[in-house]
Amino acid sequence: MNTLFKSTIYLAILIGLFGCATNENSILQQQQQDDQIISDFLKRNNISATKSSTGLYYVLDKVGTGDQASTVSQIASIDVDVYLLGGAKFITEKDIVYRFSNGLLMQGVVEATTLLKEGGNGRFYIPSALGFGQGSGTVNGINIPANATIYAEVKLNDIRTDQEQQVIEEGLIKKYLADNKLTSTKDSLGVYYVRTTQGSGALPRTGNRLAVTYKGTLLNKQVFDSGDFTFTLGAGASIRGFEIATRFMQKGEKGIALIPSHLAYADKGSGDKIRPFATLVFELEIIGFE
């Protein structure tokens, strides 16, 4: 199983499980088989569901009363529980934030989200072609076979623009600062910097070679990386927010930078720990620069 975030929906749903390519006849046969499996399940359980043009079956328990996704550039926040059809639940996630157009979320869940308005929720019966395809593996101790049909319960919390997402993230940063009793300076682009140990000398400039010790965490203080880093300021060797933060710092200075996602990994995330739209916290020390 080749996936993104371990022990979360991002393990299986945001990147999917990968299998071997197949031919058109096999694809058609699998689609027919999946449709029969889902239809039989619905009939056995006396469930009346609507079938979409893609083969997704759904029951909207609550359509919702807010906005509905209208463009692929929009951002959604959803809650999801995911099961093997008629079997074990293997994923529960709250407040997954993603952009419709970024291609990271499982197709069946994206389609499910588009059927809801804000505040709405439903039950979705997902054929393998809209799920993990021929991929197989283990998620949270549950074996996911190739060509698995999936059942998901999805709630659409809200639809957001980029500007609204930035406002939400700034609110989270301000809450983090208040909760930790930290006093900060804000850059015009949105990086918040907290000086914890005063340095000395001049501030670094574009073209300087900086040596930095760092520890990167999420707002929940989960560490995603740490180490020593040497880079040329302004050369694009790091995320933009990291460079902005180091421009506040003198030699020997220590500080904390809080970086909103648009100055970090934006709507794509990075690795198996940094989700799309994650705000990052860096503890930094400038060892020196020249």
Foldseek 3Di string as FASTA:
>chain_A
DDFFAAQACRRDFQAAFDDDDDDPVVVVVLLVVLLVVVVVLCVVVVHDWDADPVGKTKDWPFQDDAAADDDQQKKWFKWKWKAQVVGDIQHTDGGAIFGNPPSRGQQQVSVLRRSHHAFIKIKMWAWLVSGRAQGWDDGNRDTDHHRTIMMMIMHTHHMGHPVRLLVVLLVLVVVLCVVVVFDWDADPVGKTKGWDFADDDDFDDQQKWWKKWKWKAFSVRHTDDTDIDIDGQPPPPAQQQVSVHSRVHDAFTKIKMWAWQVSHVANPFDGRPGHHRTIMMMTMHTNDID
